[in-house]
mmCIF file of all heavy atoms, coordinates in Angstrom:
data_MODEL
# 
_entry.id   MODEL 
# 
loop_
_atom_site.group_PDB 
_atom_site.id 
_atom_site.type_symbol 
_atom_site.label_atom_id 
_atom_site.label_alt_id 
_atom_site.label_comp_id 
_atom_site.label_asym_id 
_atom_site.label_entity_id 
_atom_site.label_seq_id 
_atom_site.pdbx_PDB_ins_code 
_atom_site.Cartn_x 
_atom_site.Cartn_y 
_atom_site.Cartn_z 
_atom_site.occupancy 
_atom_site.B_iso_or_equiv 
_atom_site.pdbx_formal_charge 
_atom_site.auth_seq_id 
_atom_site.auth_comp_id 
_atom_site.auth_asym_id 
_atom_site.auth_atom_id 
_atom_site.pdbx_PDB_model_num 
ATOM 1   N N   . PRO A 1 1  ? -6.259  10.102  10.413 1.00 0.00 ? 1  PRO A N   1 
ATOM 2   C CA  . PRO A 1 1  ? -4.951  10.192  9.745  1.00 0.00 ? 1  PRO A CA  1 
ATOM 3   C C   . PRO A 1 1  ? -4.742  9.049   8.758  1.00 0.00 ? 1  PRO A C   1 
ATOM 4   O O   . PRO A 1 1  ? -5.106  7.899   9.025  1.00 0.00 ? 1  PRO A O   1 
ATOM 5   C CB  . PRO A 1 1  ? -3.947  10.110  10.906 1.00 0.00 ? 1  PRO A CB  1 
ATOM 6   C CG  . PRO A 1 1  ? -4.729  10.508  12.117 1.00 0.00 ? 1  PRO A CG  1 
ATOM 7   C CD  . PRO A 1 1  ? -6.125  10.020  11.887 1.00 0.00 ? 1  PRO A CD  1 
ATOM 8   N N   . ILE A 1 2  ? -4.143  9.354   7.629  1.00 0.00 ? 2  ILE A N   1 
ATOM 9   C CA  . ILE A 1 2  ? -3.961  8.353   6.588  1.00 0.00 ? 2  ILE A CA  1 
ATOM 10  C C   . ILE A 1 2  ? -3.051  7.219   7.056  1.00 0.00 ? 2  ILE A C   1 
ATOM 11  O O   . ILE A 1 2  ? -3.279  6.054   6.696  1.00 0.00 ? 2  ILE A O   1 
ATOM 12  C CB  . ILE A 1 2  ? -3.402  9.005   5.301  1.00 0.00 ? 2  ILE A CB  1 
ATOM 13  C CG1 . ILE A 1 2  ? -3.394  7.993   4.145  1.00 0.00 ? 2  ILE A CG1 1 
ATOM 14  C CG2 . ILE A 1 2  ? -2.028  9.589   5.530  1.00 0.00 ? 2  ILE A CG2 1 
ATOM 15  C CD1 . ILE A 1 2  ? -4.737  7.514   3.746  1.00 0.00 ? 2  ILE A CD1 1 
ATOM 16  N N   . ASP A 1 3  ? -2.039  7.529   7.875  1.00 0.00 ? 3  ASP A N   1 
ATOM 17  C CA  . ASP A 1 3  ? -1.160  6.451   8.329  1.00 0.00 ? 3  ASP A CA  1 
ATOM 18  C C   . ASP A 1 3  ? -1.903  5.468   9.231  1.00 0.00 ? 3  ASP A C   1 
ATOM 19  O O   . ASP A 1 3  ? -1.643  4.259   9.221  1.00 0.00 ? 3  ASP A O   1 
ATOM 20  C CB  . ASP A 1 3  ? 0.074   7.015   9.039  1.00 0.00 ? 3  ASP A CB  1 
ATOM 21  C CG  . ASP A 1 3  ? -0.270  7.864   10.241 1.00 0.00 ? 3  ASP A CG  1 
ATOM 22  O OD1 . ASP A 1 3  ? -1.412  8.366   10.312 1.00 0.00 ? 3  ASP A OD1 1 
ATOM 23  O OD2 . ASP A 1 3  ? 0.602   8.022   11.120 1.00 0.00 ? 3  ASP A OD2 1 
ATOM 24  N N   . PHE A 1 4  ? -2.867  5.986   10.010 1.00 0.00 ? 4  PHE A N   1 
ATOM 25  C CA  . PHE A 1 4  ? -3.700  5.115   10.836 1.00 0.00 ? 4  PHE A CA  1 
ATOM 26  C C   . PHE A 1 4  ? -4.573  4.231   9.964  1.00 0.00 ? 4  PHE A C   1 
ATOM 27  O O   . PHE A 1 4  ? -4.676  3.014   10.184 1.00 0.00 ? 4  PHE A O   1 
ATOM 28  C CB  . PHE A 1 4  ? -4.570  5.953   11.772 1.00 0.00 ? 4  PHE A CB  1 
ATOM 29  C CG  . PHE A 1 4  ? -5.664  5.169   12.459 1.00 0.00 ? 4  PHE A CG  1 
ATOM 30  C CD1 . PHE A 1 4  ? -5.377  4.325   13.523 1.00 0.00 ? 4  PHE A CD1 1 
ATOM 31  C CD2 . PHE A 1 4  ? -6.985  5.272   12.027 1.00 0.00 ? 4  PHE A CD2 1 
ATOM 32  C CE1 . PHE A 1 4  ? -6.377  3.601   14.147 1.00 0.00 ? 4  PHE A CE1 1 
ATOM 33  C CE2 . PHE A 1 4  ? -7.990  4.551   12.647 1.00 0.00 ? 4  PHE A CE2 1 
ATOM 34  C CZ  . PHE A 1 4  ? -7.686  3.715   13.704 1.00 0.00 ? 4  PHE A CZ  1 
ATOM 35  N N   . LEU A 1 5  ? -5.197  4.806   8.956  1.00 0.00 ? 5  LEU A N   1 
ATOM 36  C CA  . LEU A 1 5  ? -6.057  4.034   8.070  1.00 0.00 ? 5  LEU A CA  1 
ATOM 37  C C   . LEU A 1 5  ? -5.272  2.969   7.317  1.00 0.00 ? 5  LEU A C   1 
ATOM 38  O O   . LEU A 1 5  ? -5.748  1.843   7.130  1.00 0.00 ? 5  LEU A O   1 
ATOM 39  C CB  . LEU A 1 5  ? -6.767  4.969   7.081  1.00 0.00 ? 5  LEU A CB  1 
ATOM 40  C CG  . LEU A 1 5  ? -7.826  5.897   7.684  1.00 0.00 ? 5  LEU A CG  1 
ATOM 41  C CD1 . LEU A 1 5  ? -8.307  6.901   6.644  1.00 0.00 ? 5  LEU A CD1 1 
ATOM 42  C CD2 . LEU A 1 5  ? -9.004  5.091   8.222  1.00 0.00 ? 5  LEU A CD2 1 
ATOM 43  N N   . VAL A 1 6  ? -4.074  3.317   6.891  1.00 0.00 ? 6  VAL A N   1 
ATOM 44  C CA  . VAL A 1 6  ? -3.233  2.340   6.192  1.00 0.00 ? 6  VAL A CA  1 
ATOM 45  C C   . VAL A 1 6  ? -2.901  1.168   7.107  1.00 0.00 ? 6  VAL A C   1 
ATOM 46  O O   . VAL A 1 6  ? -2.951  -0.002  6.705  1.00 0.00 ? 6  VAL A O   1 
ATOM 47  C CB  . VAL A 1 6  ? -1.945  3.006   5.674  1.00 0.00 ? 6  VAL A CB  1 
ATOM 48  C CG1 . VAL A 1 6  ? -0.949  1.960   5.173  1.00 0.00 ? 6  VAL A CG1 1 
ATOM 49  C CG2 . VAL A 1 6  ? -2.264  3.999   4.557  1.00 0.00 ? 6  VAL A CG2 1 
ATOM 50  N N   . ARG A 1 7  ? -2.606  1.477   8.367  1.00 0.00 ? 7  ARG A N   1 
ATOM 51  C CA  . ARG A 1 7  ? -2.251  0.424   9.319  1.00 0.00 ? 7  ARG A CA  1 
ATOM 52  C C   . ARG A 1 7  ? -3.448  -0.489  9.595  1.00 0.00 ? 7  ARG A C   1 
ATOM 53  O O   . ARG A 1 7  ? -3.315  -1.721  9.607  1.00 0.00 ? 7  ARG A O   1 
ATOM 54  C CB  . ARG A 1 7  ? -1.748  1.060   10.615 1.00 0.00 ? 7  ARG A CB  1 
ATOM 55  C CG  . ARG A 1 7  ? -1.245  0.035   11.630 1.00 0.00 ? 7  ARG A CG  1 
ATOM 56  C CD  . ARG A 1 7  ? -0.535  0.709   12.783 1.00 0.00 ? 7  ARG A CD  1 
ATOM 57  N NE  . ARG A 1 7  ? -1.423  1.482   13.637 1.00 0.00 ? 7  ARG A NE  1 
ATOM 58  C CZ  . ARG A 1 7  ? -1.462  2.807   13.680 1.00 0.00 ? 7  ARG A CZ  1 
ATOM 59  N NH1 . ARG A 1 7  ? -0.660  3.520   12.889 1.00 0.00 ? 7  ARG A NH1 1 
ATOM 60  N NH2 . ARG A 1 7  ? -2.304  3.443   14.484 1.00 0.00 ? 7  ARG A NH2 1 
ATOM 61  N N   . VAL A 1 8  ? -4.627  0.113   9.800  1.00 0.00 ? 8  VAL A N   1 
ATOM 62  C CA  . VAL A 1 8  ? -5.825  -0.687  10.062 1.00 0.00 ? 8  VAL A CA  1 
ATOM 63  C C   . VAL A 1 8  ? -6.192  -1.525  8.848  1.00 0.00 ? 8  VAL A C   1 
ATOM 64  O O   . VAL A 1 8  ? -6.552  -2.708  8.969  1.00 0.00 ? 8  VAL A O   1 
ATOM 65  C CB  . VAL A 1 8  ? -7.009  0.216   10.466 1.00 0.00 ? 8  VAL A CB  1 
ATOM 66  C CG1 . VAL A 1 8  ? -8.289  -0.608  10.589 1.00 0.00 ? 8  VAL A CG1 1 
ATOM 67  C CG2 . VAL A 1 8  ? -6.728  0.932   11.771 1.00 0.00 ? 8  VAL A CG2 1 
ATOM 68  N N   . ALA A 1 9  ? -6.106  -0.920  7.674  1.00 0.00 ? 9  ALA A N   1 
ATOM 69  C CA  . ALA A 1 9  ? -6.428  -1.657  6.450  1.00 0.00 ? 9  ALA A CA  1 
ATOM 70  C C   . ALA A 1 9  ? -5.527  -2.876  6.296  1.00 0.00 ? 9  ALA A C   1 
ATOM 71  O O   . ALA A 1 9  ? -5.986  -3.976  5.953  1.00 0.00 ? 9  ALA A O   1 
ATOM 72  C CB  . ALA A 1 9  ? -6.299  -0.738  5.237  1.00 0.00 ? 9  ALA A CB  1 
ATOM 73  N N   . GLY A 1 10 ? -4.240  -2.699  6.577  1.00 0.00 ? 10 GLY A N   1 
ATOM 74  C CA  . GLY A 1 10 ? -3.308  -3.813  6.479  1.00 0.00 ? 10 GLY A CA  1 
ATOM 75  C C   . GLY A 1 10 ? -3.617  -4.906  7.470  1.00 0.00 ? 10 GLY A C   1 
ATOM 76  O O   . GLY A 1 10 ? -3.542  -6.104  7.153  1.00 0.00 ? 10 GLY A O   1 
ATOM 77  N N   . GLU A 1 11 ? -4.007  -4.498  8.682  1.00 0.00 ? 11 GLU A N   1 
ATOM 78  C CA  . GLU A 1 11 ? -4.320  -5.483  9.715  1.00 0.00 ? 11 GLU A CA  1 
ATOM 79  C C   . GLU A 1 11 ? -5.552  -6.298  9.342  1.00 0.00 ? 11 GLU A C   1 
ATOM 80  O O   . GLU A 1 11 ? -5.568  -7.528  9.478  1.00 0.00 ? 11 GLU A O   1 
ATOM 81  C CB  . GLU A 1 11 ? -4.539  -4.774  11.057 1.00 0.00 ? 11 GLU A CB  1 
ATOM 82  C CG  . GLU A 1 11 ? -4.720  -5.722  12.222 1.00 0.00 ? 11 GLU A CG  1 
ATOM 83  C CD  . GLU A 1 11 ? -4.771  -4.994  13.555 1.00 0.00 ? 11 GLU A CD  1 
ATOM 84  O OE1 . GLU A 1 11 ? -4.501  -3.772  13.582 1.00 0.00 ? 11 GLU A OE1 1 
ATOM 85  O OE2 . GLU A 1 11 ? -5.101  -5.638  14.571 1.00 0.00 ? 11 GLU A OE2 1 
ATOM 86  N N   . ILE A 1 12 ? -6.595  -5.627  8.854  1.00 0.00 ? 12 ILE A N   1 
ATOM 87  C CA  . ILE A 1 12 ? -7.816  -6.333  8.472  1.00 0.00 ? 12 ILE A CA  1 
ATOM 88  C C   . ILE A 1 12 ? -7.568  -7.240  7.276  1.00 0.00 ? 12 ILE A C   1 
ATOM 89  O O   . ILE A 1 12 ? -7.975  -8.408  7.253  1.00 0.00 ? 12 ILE A O   1 
ATOM 90  C CB  . ILE A 1 12 ? -8.945  -5.329  8.166  1.00 0.00 ? 12 ILE A CB  1 
ATOM 91  C CG1 . ILE A 1 12 ? -9.370  -4.595  9.441  1.00 0.00 ? 12 ILE A CG1 1 
ATOM 92  C CG2 . ILE A 1 12 ? -10.147 -6.037  7.533  1.00 0.00 ? 12 ILE A CG2 1 
ATOM 93  C CD1 . ILE A 1 12 ? -10.378 -3.487  9.222  1.00 0.00 ? 12 ILE A CD1 1 
ATOM 94  N N   . ALA A 1 13 ? -6.871  -6.713  6.275  1.00 0.00 ? 13 ALA A N   1 
ATOM 95  C CA  . ALA A 1 13 ? -6.672  -7.468  5.035  1.00 0.00 ? 13 ALA A CA  1 
ATOM 96  C C   . ALA A 1 13 ? -5.772  -8.685  5.204  1.00 0.00 ? 13 ALA A C   1 
ATOM 97  O O   . ALA A 1 13 ? -5.857  -9.641  4.435  1.00 0.00 ? 13 ALA A O   1 
ATOM 98  C CB  . ALA A 1 13 ? -6.107  -6.551  3.951  1.00 0.00 ? 13 ALA A CB  1 
ATOM 99  N N   . THR A 1 14 ? -4.911  -8.652  6.212  1.00 0.00 ? 14 THR A N   1 
ATOM 100 C CA  . THR A 1 14 ? -3.996  -9.789  6.407  1.00 0.00 ? 14 THR A CA  1 
ATOM 101 C C   . THR A 1 14 ? -4.463  -10.741 7.500  1.00 0.00 ? 14 THR A C   1 
ATOM 102 O O   . THR A 1 14 ? -4.104  -11.929 7.477  1.00 0.00 ? 14 THR A O   1 
ATOM 103 C CB  . THR A 1 14 ? -2.579  -9.290  6.744  1.00 0.00 ? 14 THR A CB  1 
ATOM 104 O OG1 . THR A 1 14 ? -2.630  -8.448  7.909  1.00 0.00 ? 14 THR A OG1 1 
ATOM 105 C CG2 . THR A 1 14 ? -1.994  -8.519  5.568  1.00 0.00 ? 14 THR A CG2 1 
ATOM 106 N N   . ARG A 1 15 ? -5.260  -10.247 8.464  1.00 0.00 ? 15 ARG A N   1 
ATOM 107 C CA  . ARG A 1 15 ? -5.640  -11.087 9.604  1.00 0.00 ? 15 ARG A CA  1 
ATOM 108 C C   . ARG A 1 15 ? -7.064  -11.626 9.554  1.00 0.00 ? 15 ARG A C   1 
ATOM 109 O O   . ARG A 1 15 ? -7.365  -12.618 10.230 1.00 0.00 ? 15 ARG A O   1 
ATOM 110 C CB  . ARG A 1 15 ? -5.447  -10.308 10.908 1.00 0.00 ? 15 ARG A CB  1 
ATOM 111 C CG  . ARG A 1 15 ? -4.004  -9.940  11.182 1.00 0.00 ? 15 ARG A CG  1 
ATOM 112 C CD  . ARG A 1 15 ? -3.864  -9.293  12.546 1.00 0.00 ? 15 ARG A CD  1 
ATOM 113 N NE  . ARG A 1 15 ? -2.492  -8.875  12.815 1.00 0.00 ? 15 ARG A NE  1 
ATOM 114 C CZ  . ARG A 1 15 ? -2.103  -8.277  13.939 1.00 0.00 ? 15 ARG A CZ  1 
ATOM 115 N NH1 . ARG A 1 15 ? -2.990  -8.029  14.896 1.00 0.00 ? 15 ARG A NH1 1 
ATOM 116 N NH2 . ARG A 1 15 ? -0.839  -7.920  14.104 1.00 0.00 ? 15 ARG A NH2 1 
ATOM 117 N N   . VAL A 1 16 ? -7.932  -10.964 8.812  1.00 0.00 ? 16 VAL A N   1 
ATOM 118 C CA  . VAL A 1 16 ? -9.318  -11.419 8.722  1.00 0.00 ? 16 VAL A CA  1 
ATOM 119 C C   . VAL A 1 16 ? -9.457  -12.296 7.487  1.00 0.00 ? 16 VAL A C   1 
ATOM 120 O O   . VAL A 1 16 ? -9.371  -11.811 6.357  1.00 0.00 ? 16 VAL A O   1 
ATOM 121 C CB  . VAL A 1 16 ? -10.302 -10.235 8.664  1.00 0.00 ? 16 VAL A CB  1 
ATOM 122 C CG1 . VAL A 1 16 ? -11.735 -10.758 8.543  1.00 0.00 ? 16 VAL A CG1 1 
ATOM 123 C CG2 . VAL A 1 16 ? -10.157 -9.359  9.905  1.00 0.00 ? 16 VAL A CG2 1 
ATOM 124 N N   . LYS A 1 17 ? -9.663  -13.570 7.700  1.00 0.00 ? 17 LYS A N   1 
ATOM 125 C CA  . LYS A 1 17 ? -9.733  -14.519 6.603  1.00 0.00 ? 17 LYS A CA  1 
ATOM 126 C C   . LYS A 1 17 ? -10.906 -14.188 5.686  1.00 0.00 ? 17 LYS A C   1 
ATOM 127 O O   . LYS A 1 17 ? -12.033 -13.998 6.136  1.00 0.00 ? 17 LYS A O   1 
ATOM 128 C CB  . LYS A 1 17 ? -9.886  -15.935 7.146  1.00 0.00 ? 17 LYS A CB  1 
ATOM 129 C CG  . LYS A 1 17 ? -9.833  -17.011 6.071  1.00 0.00 ? 17 LYS A CG  1 
ATOM 130 C CD  . LYS A 1 17 ? -9.940  -18.401 6.674  1.00 0.00 ? 17 LYS A CD  1 
ATOM 131 C CE  . LYS A 1 17 ? -9.889  -19.476 5.608  1.00 0.00 ? 17 LYS A CE  1 
ATOM 132 N NZ  . LYS A 1 17 ? -10.001 -20.838 6.191  1.00 0.00 ? 17 LYS A NZ  1 
ATOM 133 N N   . GLY A 1 18 ? -10.638 -14.108 4.379  1.00 0.00 ? 18 GLY A N   1 
ATOM 134 C CA  . GLY A 1 18 ? -11.673 -13.826 3.396  1.00 0.00 ? 18 GLY A CA  1 
ATOM 135 C C   . GLY A 1 18 ? -11.677 -12.403 2.909  1.00 0.00 ? 18 GLY A C   1 
ATOM 136 O O   . GLY A 1 18 ? -12.454 -12.049 2.020  1.00 0.00 ? 18 GLY A O   1 
ATOM 137 N N   . VAL A 1 19 ? -10.813 -11.544 3.483  1.00 0.00 ? 19 VAL A N   1 
ATOM 138 C CA  . VAL A 1 19 ? -10.724 -10.137 3.089  1.00 0.00 ? 19 VAL A CA  1 
ATOM 139 C C   . VAL A 1 19 ? -9.335  -9.860  2.520  1.00 0.00 ? 19 VAL A C   1 
ATOM 140 O O   . VAL A 1 19 ? -8.332  -10.298 3.089  1.00 0.00 ? 19 VAL A O   1 
ATOM 141 C CB  . VAL A 1 19 ? -10.980 -9.196  4.291  1.00 0.00 ? 19 VAL A CB  1 
ATOM 142 C CG1 . VAL A 1 19 ? -10.817 -7.735  3.893  1.00 0.00 ? 19 VAL A CG1 1 
ATOM 143 C CG2 . VAL A 1 19 ? -12.363 -9.446  4.877  1.00 0.00 ? 19 VAL A CG2 1 
ATOM 144 N N   . ASN A 1 20 ? -9.265  -9.129  1.401  1.00 0.00 ? 20 ASN A N   1 
ATOM 145 C CA  . ASN A 1 20 ? -7.946  -8.756  0.882  1.00 0.00 ? 20 ASN A CA  1 
ATOM 146 C C   . ASN A 1 20 ? -7.869  -7.301  0.441  1.00 0.00 ? 20 ASN A C   1 
ATOM 147 O O   . ASN A 1 20 ? -6.864  -6.879  -0.140 1.00 0.00 ? 20 ASN A O   1 
ATOM 148 C CB  . ASN A 1 20 ? -7.523  -9.682  -0.271 1.00 0.00 ? 20 ASN A CB  1 
ATOM 149 C CG  . ASN A 1 20 ? -8.398  -9.532  -1.506 1.00 0.00 ? 20 ASN A CG  1 
ATOM 150 O OD1 . ASN A 1 20 ? -9.278  -8.672  -1.563 1.00 0.00 ? 20 ASN A OD1 1 
ATOM 151 N ND2 . ASN A 1 20 ? -8.155  -10.376 -2.506 1.00 0.00 ? 20 ASN A ND2 1 
ATOM 152 N N   . ARG A 1 21 ? -8.923  -6.519  0.710  1.00 0.00 ? 21 ARG A N   1 
ATOM 153 C CA  . ARG A 1 21 ? -8.879  -5.102  0.330  1.00 0.00 ? 21 ARG A CA  1 
ATOM 154 C C   . ARG A 1 21 ? -9.775  -4.302  1.270  1.00 0.00 ? 21 ARG A C   1 
ATOM 155 O O   . ARG A 1 21 ? -10.870 -4.757  1.635  1.00 0.00 ? 21 ARG A O   1 
ATOM 156 C CB  . ARG A 1 21 ? -9.344  -4.919  -1.118 1.00 0.00 ? 21 ARG A CB  1 
ATOM 157 C CG  . ARG A 1 21 ? -9.040  -3.531  -1.704 1.00 0.00 ? 21 ARG A CG  1 
ATOM 158 C CD  . ARG A 1 21 ? -9.491  -3.464  -3.154 1.00 0.00 ? 21 ARG A CD  1 
ATOM 159 N NE  . ARG A 1 21 ? -8.799  -4.442  -3.993 1.00 0.00 ? 21 ARG A NE  1 
ATOM 160 C CZ  . ARG A 1 21 ? -7.677  -4.191  -4.660 1.00 0.00 ? 21 ARG A CZ  1 
ATOM 161 N NH1 . ARG A 1 21 ? -7.119  -2.992  -4.571 1.00 0.00 ? 21 ARG A NH1 1 
ATOM 162 N NH2 . ARG A 1 21 ? -7.123  -5.128  -5.403 1.00 0.00 ? 21 ARG A NH2 1 
ATOM 163 N N   . VAL A 1 22 ? -9.313  -3.095  1.655  1.00 0.00 ? 22 VAL A N   1 
ATOM 164 C CA  . VAL A 1 22 ? -10.055 -2.223  2.562  1.00 0.00 ? 22 VAL A CA  1 
ATOM 165 C C   . VAL A 1 22 ? -10.094 -0.820  1.978  1.00 0.00 ? 22 VAL A C   1 
ATOM 166 O O   . VAL A 1 22 ? -9.073  -0.295  1.523  1.00 0.00 ? 22 VAL A O   1 
ATOM 167 C CB  . VAL A 1 22 ? -9.418  -2.184  3.969  1.00 0.00 ? 22 VAL A CB  1 
ATOM 168 C CG1 . VAL A 1 22 ? -10.189 -1.238  4.889  1.00 0.00 ? 22 VAL A CG1 1 
ATOM 169 C CG2 . VAL A 1 22 ? -9.369  -3.590  4.567  1.00 0.00 ? 22 VAL A CG2 1 
ATOM 170 N N   . VAL A 1 23 ? -11.297 -0.191  2.006  1.00 0.00 ? 23 VAL A N   1 
ATOM 171 C CA  . VAL A 1 23 ? -11.452 1.187   1.522  1.00 0.00 ? 23 VAL A CA  1 
ATOM 172 C C   . VAL A 1 23 ? -12.078 2.019   2.644  1.00 0.00 ? 23 VAL A C   1 
ATOM 173 O O   . VAL A 1 23 ? -12.678 1.488   3.580  1.00 0.00 ? 23 VAL A O   1 
ATOM 174 C CB  . VAL A 1 23 ? -12.327 1.237   0.257  1.00 0.00 ? 23 VAL A CB  1 
ATOM 175 C CG1 . VAL A 1 23 ? -11.690 0.457   -0.880 1.00 0.00 ? 23 VAL A CG1 1 
ATOM 176 C CG2 . VAL A 1 23 ? -13.733 0.703   0.538  1.00 0.00 ? 23 VAL A CG2 1 
ATOM 177 N N   . TYR A 1 24 ? -11.955 3.352   2.529  1.00 0.00 ? 24 TYR A N   1 
ATOM 178 C CA  . TYR A 1 24 ? -12.506 4.263   3.527  1.00 0.00 ? 24 TYR A CA  1 
ATOM 179 C C   . TYR A 1 24 ? -13.564 5.148   2.874  1.00 0.00 ? 24 TYR A C   1 
ATOM 180 O O   . TYR A 1 24 ? -13.307 5.791   1.860  1.00 0.00 ? 24 TYR A O   1 
ATOM 181 C CB  . TYR A 1 24 ? -11.401 5.122   4.148  1.00 0.00 ? 24 TYR A CB  1 
ATOM 182 C CG  . TYR A 1 24 ? -11.870 5.974   5.315  1.00 0.00 ? 24 TYR A CG  1 
ATOM 183 C CD1 . TYR A 1 24 ? -12.519 5.395   6.402  1.00 0.00 ? 24 TYR A CD1 1 
ATOM 184 C CD2 . TYR A 1 24 ? -11.641 7.350   5.351  1.00 0.00 ? 24 TYR A CD2 1 
ATOM 185 C CE1 . TYR A 1 24 ? -12.941 6.153   7.484  1.00 0.00 ? 24 TYR A CE1 1 
ATOM 186 C CE2 . TYR A 1 24 ? -12.043 8.126   6.433  1.00 0.00 ? 24 TYR A CE2 1 
ATOM 187 C CZ  . TYR A 1 24 ? -12.703 7.523   7.497  1.00 0.00 ? 24 TYR A CZ  1 
ATOM 188 O OH  . TYR A 1 24 ? -13.127 8.273   8.566  1.00 0.00 ? 24 TYR A OH  1 
# 
């Protein structure tokens, strides 16, 4: 689901230091 992917992308991009963008 797109809402799940959006949530995961936000979590990775904000919590994993050195990452600011996520694609599927």
